[in-house]
Amino acid sequence: MSDQYILNDQDVPVPEPDTIKWATWFEDRDKRRVALEEIGESTVSTVFLGIDHNYGGAVPVLWETMVFGGQLDQEQDRCAGGRKEAFQMHALMVEKVKNHITAES
């Protein structure tokens, strides 16, 4: 099985063994972005990775949320599932960043 994935028309991850087709699909940043939010000095970004980061595990891990800037710079989380789970992961990271800012004040 391929470790490369794309999203179908329903935003469900599906394996794409053809590297050229995968790369062509992957070029479109808008297809991959789930959410992007700025909070103070931090930006929280959640994206579809397109490559299984579970490295052959039973369930592919295809989504990542990462913080850029601020006190939690480079904080990250990854998840399996679909876009719904990715949105939930994003919301949790946004809340973590907000709580960290509030705790500093």
N, C-alpha and C. Protein backbone atom coordinates (compact mmCIF):
# COMPACT_ATOMS: atom_id res chain seq x y z
N MET A 1 0.84 -1.18 0.00
CA MET A 1 0.00 0.00 0.00
C MET A 1 0.88 1.25 0.00
N SER A 2 0.41 2.29 -0.63
CA SER A 2 1.14 3.54 -0.75
C SER A 2 1.09 4.33 0.56
N ASP A 3 2.12 5.09 0.82
CA ASP A 3 2.09 6.00 1.98
C ASP A 3 1.70 7.40 1.55
N GLN A 4 1.37 7.57 0.26
CA GLN A 4 0.94 8.87 -0.29
C GLN A 4 -0.58 8.90 -0.37
N TYR A 5 -1.16 10.03 0.05
CA TYR A 5 -2.62 10.17 0.06
C TYR A 5 -3.01 11.52 -0.54
N ILE A 6 -4.20 11.54 -1.11
CA ILE A 6 -4.85 12.78 -1.53
C ILE A 6 -6.24 12.77 -0.91
N LEU A 7 -6.94 13.88 -1.03
CA LEU A 7 -8.32 13.96 -0.56
C LEU A 7 -9.25 13.83 -1.75
N ASN A 8 -10.28 12.99 -1.62
CA ASN A 8 -11.25 12.88 -2.70
C ASN A 8 -12.23 14.05 -2.63
N ASP A 9 -13.27 14.04 -3.47
CA ASP A 9 -14.22 15.16 -3.53
C ASP A 9 -15.00 15.37 -2.24
N GLN A 10 -15.02 14.36 -1.37
CA GLN A 10 -15.70 14.47 -0.08
C GLN A 10 -14.71 14.76 1.05
N ASP A 11 -13.47 15.12 0.69
CA ASP A 11 -12.40 15.39 1.65
C ASP A 11 -12.02 14.18 2.49
N VAL A 12 -12.18 13.00 1.91
CA VAL A 12 -11.78 11.76 2.57
C VAL A 12 -10.40 11.36 2.02
N PRO A 13 -9.44 11.08 2.89
CA PRO A 13 -8.12 10.64 2.41
C PRO A 13 -8.20 9.30 1.68
N VAL A 14 -7.56 9.26 0.52
CA VAL A 14 -7.49 8.01 -0.25
C VAL A 14 -6.05 7.82 -0.72
N PRO A 15 -5.57 6.57 -0.73
CA PRO A 15 -4.20 6.33 -1.20
C PRO A 15 -4.03 6.74 -2.65
N GLU A 16 -2.87 7.30 -2.97
CA GLU A 16 -2.53 7.63 -4.36
C GLU A 16 -1.14 7.10 -4.65
N PRO A 17 -1.07 5.89 -5.24
CA PRO A 17 0.24 5.28 -5.49
C PRO A 17 1.03 5.93 -6.62
N ASP A 18 0.35 6.65 -7.51
CA ASP A 18 1.02 7.31 -8.63
C ASP A 18 1.65 8.62 -8.13
N THR A 19 2.96 8.66 -8.06
CA THR A 19 3.65 9.82 -7.50
C THR A 19 3.40 11.10 -8.30
N ILE A 20 3.28 11.00 -9.60
CA ILE A 20 3.01 12.20 -10.42
C ILE A 20 1.62 12.74 -10.12
N LYS A 21 0.62 11.87 -10.06
CA LYS A 21 -0.74 12.31 -9.73
C LYS A 21 -0.77 12.91 -8.32
N TRP A 22 -0.08 12.27 -7.38
CA TRP A 22 -0.03 12.76 -6.01
C TRP A 22 0.60 14.16 -5.98
N ALA A 23 1.74 14.33 -6.64
CA ALA A 23 2.45 15.61 -6.64
C ALA A 23 1.62 16.71 -7.30
N THR A 24 0.94 16.37 -8.38
CA THR A 24 0.09 17.35 -9.07
C THR A 24 -1.03 17.81 -8.15
N TRP A 25 -1.67 16.87 -7.47
CA TRP A 25 -2.74 17.22 -6.54
C TRP A 25 -2.18 18.05 -5.39
N PHE A 26 -1.02 17.64 -4.90
CA PHE A 26 -0.42 18.25 -3.71
C PHE A 26 0.03 19.69 -3.92
N GLU A 27 0.25 20.08 -5.17
CA GLU A 27 0.70 21.46 -5.47
C GLU A 27 -0.30 22.52 -5.04
N ASP A 28 -1.58 22.17 -4.99
CA ASP A 28 -2.63 23.14 -4.67
C ASP A 28 -2.73 23.31 -3.15
N ARG A 29 -2.12 24.35 -2.62
CA ARG A 29 -2.07 24.60 -1.19
C ARG A 29 -3.47 24.72 -0.58
N ASP A 30 -4.42 25.29 -1.31
CA ASP A 30 -5.77 25.47 -0.77
C ASP A 30 -6.45 24.13 -0.49
N LYS A 31 -6.15 23.12 -1.26
CA LYS A 31 -6.74 21.80 -1.02
C LYS A 31 -6.22 21.20 0.28
N ARG A 32 -5.00 21.54 0.65
CA ARG A 32 -4.36 20.94 1.81
C ARG A 32 -4.61 21.69 3.11
N ARG A 33 -4.90 22.97 3.03
CA ARG A 33 -5.06 23.77 4.25
C ARG A 33 -6.42 23.51 4.89
N VAL A 34 -6.40 23.26 6.17
CA VAL A 34 -7.62 23.06 6.94
C VAL A 34 -8.01 24.36 7.63
N ALA A 35 -7.03 24.95 8.32
CA ALA A 35 -7.30 26.19 9.06
C ALA A 35 -6.00 26.93 9.31
N LEU A 36 -6.11 28.24 9.42
CA LEU A 36 -4.97 29.10 9.71
C LEU A 36 -5.50 30.24 10.57
N GLU A 37 -4.89 30.42 11.74
CA GLU A 37 -5.40 31.41 12.67
C GLU A 37 -4.24 32.11 13.37
N GLU A 38 -4.32 33.44 13.43
CA GLU A 38 -3.31 34.22 14.13
C GLU A 38 -3.83 34.60 15.50
N ILE A 39 -2.98 34.37 16.51
CA ILE A 39 -3.32 34.67 17.89
C ILE A 39 -2.12 35.37 18.50
N GLY A 40 -2.23 36.66 18.69
CA GLY A 40 -1.09 37.41 19.20
C GLY A 40 0.11 37.25 18.28
N GLU A 41 1.24 36.81 18.83
CA GLU A 41 2.46 36.61 18.05
C GLU A 41 2.51 35.24 17.37
N SER A 42 1.50 34.42 17.59
CA SER A 42 1.51 33.05 17.10
C SER A 42 0.56 32.87 15.91
N THR A 43 0.93 31.95 15.03
CA THR A 43 0.06 31.50 13.97
C THR A 43 -0.13 30.00 14.15
N VAL A 44 -1.38 29.57 14.16
CA VAL A 44 -1.69 28.15 14.27
C VAL A 44 -2.16 27.69 12.89
N SER A 45 -1.48 26.68 12.37
CA SER A 45 -1.75 26.18 11.02
C SER A 45 -2.06 24.68 11.09
N THR A 46 -3.12 24.28 10.41
CA THR A 46 -3.47 22.86 10.30
C THR A 46 -3.57 22.50 8.84
N VAL A 47 -2.85 21.43 8.46
CA VAL A 47 -2.78 21.03 7.06
C VAL A 47 -2.92 19.52 6.91
N PHE A 48 -3.30 19.12 5.72
CA PHE A 48 -3.27 17.73 5.29
C PHE A 48 -1.86 17.45 4.82
N LEU A 49 -1.19 16.46 5.41
CA LEU A 49 0.21 16.18 5.10
C LEU A 49 0.41 15.45 3.78
N GLY A 50 -0.51 14.59 3.41
CA GLY A 50 -0.39 13.86 2.15
C GLY A 50 0.51 12.64 2.20
N ILE A 51 1.23 12.48 3.29
CA ILE A 51 2.10 11.32 3.49
C ILE A 51 1.82 10.77 4.88
N ASP A 52 1.68 9.46 4.97
CA ASP A 52 1.38 8.81 6.24
C ASP A 52 2.54 8.99 7.22
N HIS A 53 2.27 9.68 8.32
CA HIS A 53 3.29 9.88 9.36
C HIS A 53 3.16 8.86 10.49
N ASN A 54 2.40 7.79 10.23
CA ASN A 54 2.34 6.66 11.16
C ASN A 54 3.27 5.55 10.66
N TYR A 55 3.89 5.80 9.53
CA TYR A 55 4.94 4.94 8.97
C TYR A 55 4.58 3.46 8.99
N GLY A 56 3.48 3.15 8.31
CA GLY A 56 3.09 1.75 8.17
C GLY A 56 2.21 1.23 9.28
N GLY A 57 1.82 2.07 10.20
CA GLY A 57 0.91 1.64 11.27
C GLY A 57 -0.46 1.34 10.71
N ALA A 58 -1.33 0.83 11.54
CA ALA A 58 -2.65 0.40 11.10
C ALA A 58 -3.50 1.54 10.54
N VAL A 59 -3.40 2.72 11.14
CA VAL A 59 -4.21 3.87 10.72
C VAL A 59 -3.28 4.99 10.29
N PRO A 60 -3.44 5.50 9.06
CA PRO A 60 -2.54 6.57 8.62
C PRO A 60 -2.76 7.88 9.38
N VAL A 61 -1.65 8.53 9.73
CA VAL A 61 -1.68 9.84 10.38
C VAL A 61 -1.35 10.85 9.29
N LEU A 62 -2.36 11.65 8.93
CA LEU A 62 -2.26 12.48 7.73
C LEU A 62 -2.47 13.97 7.96
N TRP A 63 -2.69 14.39 9.19
CA TRP A 63 -3.01 15.79 9.49
C TRP A 63 -2.06 16.32 10.55
N GLU A 64 -1.69 17.60 10.42
CA GLU A 64 -0.77 18.20 11.38
C GLU A 64 -1.21 19.62 11.71
N THR A 65 -1.15 19.93 12.99
CA THR A 65 -1.34 21.29 13.47
C THR A 65 -0.02 21.74 14.07
N MET A 66 0.39 22.96 13.72
CA MET A 66 1.67 23.47 14.21
C MET A 66 1.53 24.95 14.55
N VAL A 67 2.28 25.35 15.57
CA VAL A 67 2.32 26.74 16.01
C VAL A 67 3.61 27.36 15.51
N PHE A 68 3.49 28.54 14.93
CA PHE A 68 4.65 29.30 14.46
C PHE A 68 4.68 30.62 15.21
N GLY A 69 5.79 30.90 15.89
CA GLY A 69 5.95 32.14 16.63
C GLY A 69 5.39 32.05 18.04
N GLY A 70 5.73 33.04 18.83
CA GLY A 70 5.24 33.09 20.21
C GLY A 70 5.94 32.08 21.10
N GLN A 71 5.45 31.95 22.32
CA GLN A 71 6.06 31.08 23.32
C GLN A 71 5.92 29.60 22.99
N LEU A 72 4.93 29.22 22.22
CA LEU A 72 4.73 27.81 21.87
C LEU A 72 5.24 27.49 20.46
N ASP A 73 6.15 28.30 19.96
CA ASP A 73 6.71 28.11 18.62
C ASP A 73 7.15 26.65 18.42
N GLN A 74 6.74 26.07 17.31
CA GLN A 74 7.07 24.70 16.90
C GLN A 74 6.28 23.63 17.66
N GLU A 75 5.37 24.00 18.53
CA GLU A 75 4.49 23.03 19.16
C GLU A 75 3.65 22.41 18.06
N GLN A 76 3.49 21.09 18.10
CA GLN A 76 2.74 20.44 17.04
C GLN A 76 1.95 19.26 17.57
N ASP A 77 0.96 18.86 16.78
CA ASP A 77 0.18 17.67 17.05
C ASP A 77 -0.20 17.09 15.71
N ARG A 78 -0.37 15.78 15.67
CA ARG A 78 -0.78 15.09 14.44
C ARG A 78 -1.93 14.16 14.78
N CYS A 79 -2.76 13.89 13.76
CA CYS A 79 -3.88 12.98 14.00
C CYS A 79 -4.22 12.19 12.74
N ALA A 80 -4.96 11.14 12.98
CA ALA A 80 -5.54 10.33 11.91
C ALA A 80 -6.97 10.81 11.68
N GLY A 81 -7.68 10.14 10.83
CA GLY A 81 -9.08 10.48 10.59
C GLY A 81 -9.24 11.38 9.39
N GLY A 82 -10.27 12.21 9.45
CA GLY A 82 -10.61 13.09 8.34
C GLY A 82 -10.53 14.55 8.73
N ARG A 83 -11.13 15.38 7.90
CA ARG A 83 -11.09 16.83 8.11
C ARG A 83 -11.73 17.22 9.44
N LYS A 84 -12.78 16.51 9.86
CA LYS A 84 -13.45 16.80 11.13
C LYS A 84 -12.46 16.68 12.29
N GLU A 85 -11.71 15.59 12.31
CA GLU A 85 -10.73 15.39 13.37
C GLU A 85 -9.62 16.44 13.30
N ALA A 86 -9.25 16.84 12.09
CA ALA A 86 -8.23 17.88 11.92
C ALA A 86 -8.72 19.22 12.47
N PHE A 87 -10.00 19.56 12.21
CA PHE A 87 -10.57 20.80 12.77
C PHE A 87 -10.57 20.75 14.29
N GLN A 88 -10.91 19.59 14.85
CA GLN A 88 -10.93 19.45 16.31
C GLN A 88 -9.52 19.63 16.89
N MET A 89 -8.53 19.03 16.23
CA MET A 89 -7.15 19.17 16.67
C MET A 89 -6.72 20.64 16.61
N HIS A 90 -7.10 21.33 15.53
CA HIS A 90 -6.79 22.75 15.37
C HIS A 90 -7.40 23.56 16.52
N ALA A 91 -8.66 23.31 16.80
CA ALA A 91 -9.35 24.05 17.86
C ALA A 91 -8.68 23.84 19.21
N LEU A 92 -8.22 22.63 19.48
CA LEU A 92 -7.52 22.35 20.74
C LEU A 92 -6.20 23.11 20.83
N MET A 93 -5.49 23.19 19.72
CA MET A 93 -4.21 23.92 19.73
C MET A 93 -4.46 25.42 19.87
N VAL A 94 -5.48 25.94 19.21
CA VAL A 94 -5.82 27.36 19.36
C VAL A 94 -6.12 27.66 20.82
N GLU A 95 -6.89 26.80 21.44
CA GLU A 95 -7.23 26.98 22.86
C GLU A 95 -5.98 26.93 23.73
N LYS A 96 -5.06 26.02 23.42
CA LYS A 96 -3.80 25.91 24.17
C LYS A 96 -2.99 27.20 24.06
N VAL A 97 -2.90 27.74 22.85
CA VAL A 97 -2.16 29.00 22.64
C VAL A 97 -2.83 30.14 23.41
N LYS A 98 -4.15 30.24 23.32
CA LYS A 98 -4.88 31.29 24.03
C LYS A 98 -4.68 31.16 25.53
N ASN A 99 -4.76 29.94 26.04
CA ASN A 99 -4.58 29.74 27.47
C ASN A 99 -3.16 30.10 27.91
N HIS A 100 -2.19 29.81 27.07
CA HIS A 100 -0.80 30.13 27.39
C HIS A 100 -0.60 31.66 27.44
N ILE A 101 -1.23 32.35 26.50
CA ILE A 101 -1.14 33.82 26.48
C ILE A 101 -1.80 34.39 27.73
N THR A 102 -2.96 33.87 28.10
CA THR A 102 -3.68 34.34 29.27
C THR A 102 -2.88 34.08 30.54
N ALA A 103 -2.24 32.93 30.62
CA ALA A 103 -1.44 32.58 31.81
C ALA A 103 -0.24 33.50 31.96
N GLU A 104 0.28 34.00 30.85
CA GLU A 104 1.44 34.90 30.90
C GLU A 104 1.06 36.30 31.38
N SER A 105 -0.19 36.67 31.16
CA SER A 105 -0.64 38.04 31.48
C SER A 105 -0.76 38.28 32.95
